[in-house]
N, C-alpha and C. Protein backbone atom coordinates (compact mmCIF):
# COMPACT_ATOMS: atom_id res chain seq x y z
N MET A 1 -3.72 14.81 3.63
CA MET A 1 -4.42 13.92 4.64
C MET A 1 -3.50 12.68 5.24
N ARG A 2 -3.43 12.55 6.26
CA ARG A 2 -3.13 11.42 6.73
C ARG A 2 -3.66 10.29 7.13
N TYR A 3 -3.41 8.95 7.03
CA TYR A 3 -4.24 7.90 7.61
C TYR A 3 -3.85 7.58 8.76
N ARG A 4 -4.43 6.90 9.71
CA ARG A 4 -4.12 6.65 10.68
C ARG A 4 -4.78 5.05 11.16
N PHE A 5 -3.59 3.99 11.44
CA PHE A 5 -4.36 2.87 12.01
C PHE A 5 -3.87 1.86 12.91
N GLY A 6 -4.25 1.86 13.91
CA GLY A 6 -3.49 1.26 15.09
C GLY A 6 -2.19 2.51 15.70
N PRO A 7 -1.18 2.16 15.87
CA PRO A 7 -0.24 3.11 16.16
C PRO A 7 0.55 3.49 14.87
N TYR A 8 0.21 3.21 13.54
CA TYR A 8 0.80 3.61 12.45
C TYR A 8 0.18 4.84 11.95
N THR A 9 0.95 5.72 11.06
CA THR A 9 0.31 6.79 10.19
C THR A 9 1.04 6.53 8.88
N LEU A 10 0.29 6.69 7.71
CA LEU A 10 0.40 6.78 6.63
C LEU A 10 0.12 8.04 5.83
N ASP A 11 1.45 8.75 5.79
CA ASP A 11 1.39 9.78 5.14
C ASP A 11 1.69 10.05 3.71
N PRO A 12 1.05 10.22 2.62
CA PRO A 12 0.88 10.08 1.34
C PRO A 12 2.01 11.54 1.17
N GLY A 13 1.55 12.56 1.68
CA GLY A 13 2.81 13.75 1.41
C GLY A 13 4.09 13.73 1.47
N SER A 14 4.82 12.82 2.51
CA SER A 14 5.93 12.52 2.46
C SER A 14 6.41 10.87 1.87
N TYR A 15 5.12 10.40 1.67
CA TYR A 15 5.61 8.86 1.01
C TYR A 15 6.42 7.88 2.28
N ARG A 16 5.73 7.63 3.30
CA ARG A 16 6.12 7.23 4.28
C ARG A 16 5.17 6.70 5.29
N LEU A 17 5.64 5.64 5.96
CA LEU A 17 5.09 5.10 7.22
C LEU A 17 5.78 5.12 8.37
N LEU A 18 4.69 5.72 9.23
CA LEU A 18 5.29 5.92 10.63
C LEU A 18 4.35 4.90 11.80
N ASN A 19 5.54 4.28 12.65
CA ASN A 19 5.07 3.69 13.94
C ASN A 19 5.23 4.55 15.07
N GLY A 20 4.61 5.53 15.35
CA GLY A 20 4.51 6.41 16.33
C GLY A 20 5.84 7.58 15.39
N ASP A 21 6.84 7.74 16.16
CA ASP A 21 7.70 8.76 15.46
C ASP A 21 8.80 7.98 14.39
N GLU A 22 8.89 6.94 14.51
CA GLU A 22 9.77 5.96 13.85
C GLU A 22 9.51 5.78 12.43
N ILE A 23 10.04 5.87 11.68
CA ILE A 23 10.20 5.90 9.96
C ILE A 23 10.04 4.28 9.82
N ILE A 24 9.10 3.75 9.30
CA ILE A 24 9.14 2.42 8.78
C ILE A 24 9.89 2.32 7.52
N GLN A 25 10.92 1.78 7.11
CA GLN A 25 11.34 1.82 5.73
C GLN A 25 10.54 0.81 5.00
N LEU A 26 9.97 1.20 3.69
CA LEU A 26 9.12 0.40 2.73
C LEU A 26 9.45 1.05 1.23
N SER A 27 9.06 0.21 0.27
CA SER A 27 9.44 0.34 -1.07
C SER A 27 8.17 1.25 -1.42
N PRO A 28 8.43 2.49 -2.40
CA PRO A 28 7.50 2.87 -2.92
C PRO A 28 6.43 2.14 -3.57
N LYS A 29 6.22 1.12 -3.86
CA LYS A 29 5.46 0.22 -4.66
C LYS A 29 4.49 -0.33 -3.24
N ILE A 30 5.22 -0.73 -2.26
CA ILE A 30 4.11 -1.33 -0.93
C ILE A 30 3.62 0.19 -0.41
N ILE A 31 4.26 1.46 -0.53
CA ILE A 31 3.43 2.59 0.11
C ILE A 31 2.03 2.91 -0.85
N ASP A 32 2.43 2.57 -2.37
CA ASP A 32 1.20 2.62 -3.09
C ASP A 32 0.26 1.32 -2.68
N LEU A 33 0.63 0.46 -2.51
CA LEU A 33 -0.38 -0.69 -1.82
C LEU A 33 -1.02 -0.21 -0.63
N LEU A 34 -0.42 0.19 0.15
CA LEU A 34 -1.19 0.67 1.30
C LEU A 34 -2.24 1.96 1.06
N LEU A 35 -1.65 2.63 0.34
CA LEU A 35 -2.44 4.02 0.09
C LEU A 35 -3.72 3.53 -0.84
N TYR A 36 -3.60 2.46 -2.07
CA TYR A 36 -4.65 1.87 -2.49
C TYR A 36 -5.79 1.52 -1.56
N LEU A 37 -5.03 0.55 -0.71
CA LEU A 37 -6.11 -0.31 0.25
C LEU A 37 -6.78 0.64 1.07
N VAL A 38 -6.03 1.96 1.82
CA VAL A 38 -6.63 2.55 2.74
C VAL A 38 -7.72 3.66 1.95
N ALA A 39 -7.39 4.03 0.82
CA ALA A 39 -8.39 4.87 0.24
C ALA A 39 -9.66 4.26 -0.15
N ARG A 40 -9.65 3.12 -0.13
CA ARG A 40 -10.69 2.08 -0.58
C ARG A 40 -11.50 1.68 0.61
N GLN A 41 -11.24 1.59 2.07
CA GLN A 41 -11.80 0.95 3.00
C GLN A 41 -13.25 1.42 3.35
N PRO A 42 -13.84 0.54 3.81
CA PRO A 42 -13.92 -0.79 4.14
C PRO A 42 -14.08 -1.66 2.80
N ALA A 43 -14.14 -1.46 1.69
CA ALA A 43 -14.52 -2.22 0.62
C ALA A 43 -13.41 -2.96 0.37
N LEU A 44 -13.72 -4.43 0.31
CA LEU A 44 -12.87 -5.56 -0.49
C LEU A 44 -12.34 -5.29 -1.73
N VAL A 45 -10.93 -5.59 -1.58
CA VAL A 45 -10.24 -5.07 -3.16
C VAL A 45 -9.97 -6.31 -3.83
N SER A 46 -10.36 -6.60 -5.15
CA SER A 46 -9.86 -7.77 -5.89
C SER A 46 -8.34 -7.78 -6.13
N LYS A 47 -7.98 -9.50 -6.59
CA LYS A 47 -6.50 -9.23 -6.88
C LYS A 47 -6.49 -8.57 -8.20
N GLU A 48 -7.42 -8.81 -9.27
CA GLU A 48 -7.25 -7.91 -10.42
C GLU A 48 -7.14 -6.16 -10.43
N ASP A 49 -8.01 -5.86 -9.22
CA ASP A 49 -7.74 -4.38 -9.23
C ASP A 49 -6.52 -4.12 -8.74
N LEU A 50 -5.88 -4.78 -7.79
CA LEU A 50 -4.75 -4.31 -7.17
C LEU A 50 -3.70 -4.45 -8.54
N PHE A 51 -3.80 -5.68 -9.16
CA PHE A 51 -2.75 -5.59 -10.69
C PHE A 51 -2.81 -4.27 -11.31
N LYS A 52 -4.13 -3.74 -11.44
CA LYS A 52 -4.46 -2.88 -12.58
C LYS A 52 -3.83 -1.80 -11.87
N ALA A 53 -4.00 -1.44 -10.65
CA ALA A 53 -3.46 -0.28 -9.74
C ALA A 53 -1.84 -0.17 -9.72
N LEU A 54 -1.15 -1.15 -9.11
CA LEU A 54 -0.05 -1.21 -8.78
C LEU A 54 0.95 -1.72 -9.96
N TRP A 55 0.60 -2.36 -11.19
CA TRP A 55 1.50 -2.83 -12.04
C TRP A 55 0.71 -2.56 -13.38
N PRO A 56 0.17 -1.40 -13.72
CA PRO A 56 -0.41 -1.41 -14.99
C PRO A 56 0.17 -1.30 -15.92
N ASP A 57 -0.24 -2.46 -16.97
CA ASP A 57 0.32 -2.54 -18.42
C ASP A 57 1.75 -3.30 -18.34
N VAL A 58 1.96 -4.10 -17.18
CA VAL A 58 3.08 -4.72 -16.62
C VAL A 58 2.04 -6.31 -16.48
N ALA A 59 2.90 -7.29 -16.97
CA ALA A 59 2.54 -8.67 -16.99
C ALA A 59 3.20 -9.17 -15.49
N VAL A 60 2.54 -9.74 -14.23
CA VAL A 60 3.00 -10.01 -13.39
C VAL A 60 2.33 -11.39 -12.65
N THR A 61 2.93 -12.09 -11.91
CA THR A 61 2.28 -13.13 -11.50
C THR A 61 1.69 -13.12 -10.20
N ASP A 62 1.01 -13.60 -9.47
CA ASP A 62 0.66 -13.79 -8.16
C ASP A 62 1.51 -13.55 -6.88
N ASN A 63 2.94 -14.01 -7.27
CA ASN A 63 3.96 -13.77 -6.51
C ASN A 63 4.36 -12.34 -6.37
N ALA A 64 4.09 -11.38 -7.38
CA ALA A 64 4.16 -10.26 -6.91
C ALA A 64 3.41 -9.97 -6.03
N LEU A 65 2.09 -9.99 -6.00
CA LEU A 65 1.43 -9.59 -4.89
C LEU A 65 1.77 -10.11 -3.76
N THR A 66 2.10 -11.70 -3.63
CA THR A 66 2.55 -12.13 -2.51
C THR A 66 3.40 -11.46 -1.85
N GLN A 67 4.75 -11.10 -2.55
CA GLN A 67 5.80 -10.68 -2.05
C GLN A 67 5.39 -9.49 -1.62
N ALA A 68 4.59 -8.36 -2.10
CA ALA A 68 4.38 -7.04 -1.59
C ALA A 68 3.37 -7.39 -0.20
N PHE A 69 2.55 -8.11 0.01
CA PHE A 69 1.98 -8.30 1.08
C PHE A 69 2.81 -8.67 2.28
N SER A 70 3.79 -9.68 2.01
CA SER A 70 4.81 -10.14 3.14
C SER A 70 5.76 -9.00 3.54
C-alpha cells in the first residue's frame, strides 16, 4: 500500500517519500512519523501517542518531536 498526498507518495515497502519521481531524503525516524500519521488520518494524534510510538522506552523531550516535524 502506498499513501498519496498532493504531489507526494509515501511508500512503506521501500521506506521512502517521493515527490513525483524524485526521492526525498529523510531519516527512518521521519518516515516512521509520516507512516504513523497517515495511518491514523483524519484523527488527531496526541504528543504522548507520538512519543510512545516513535520513542518507546526512551525518555525524550519535546525538542525531539519539534526537530522531527521541522
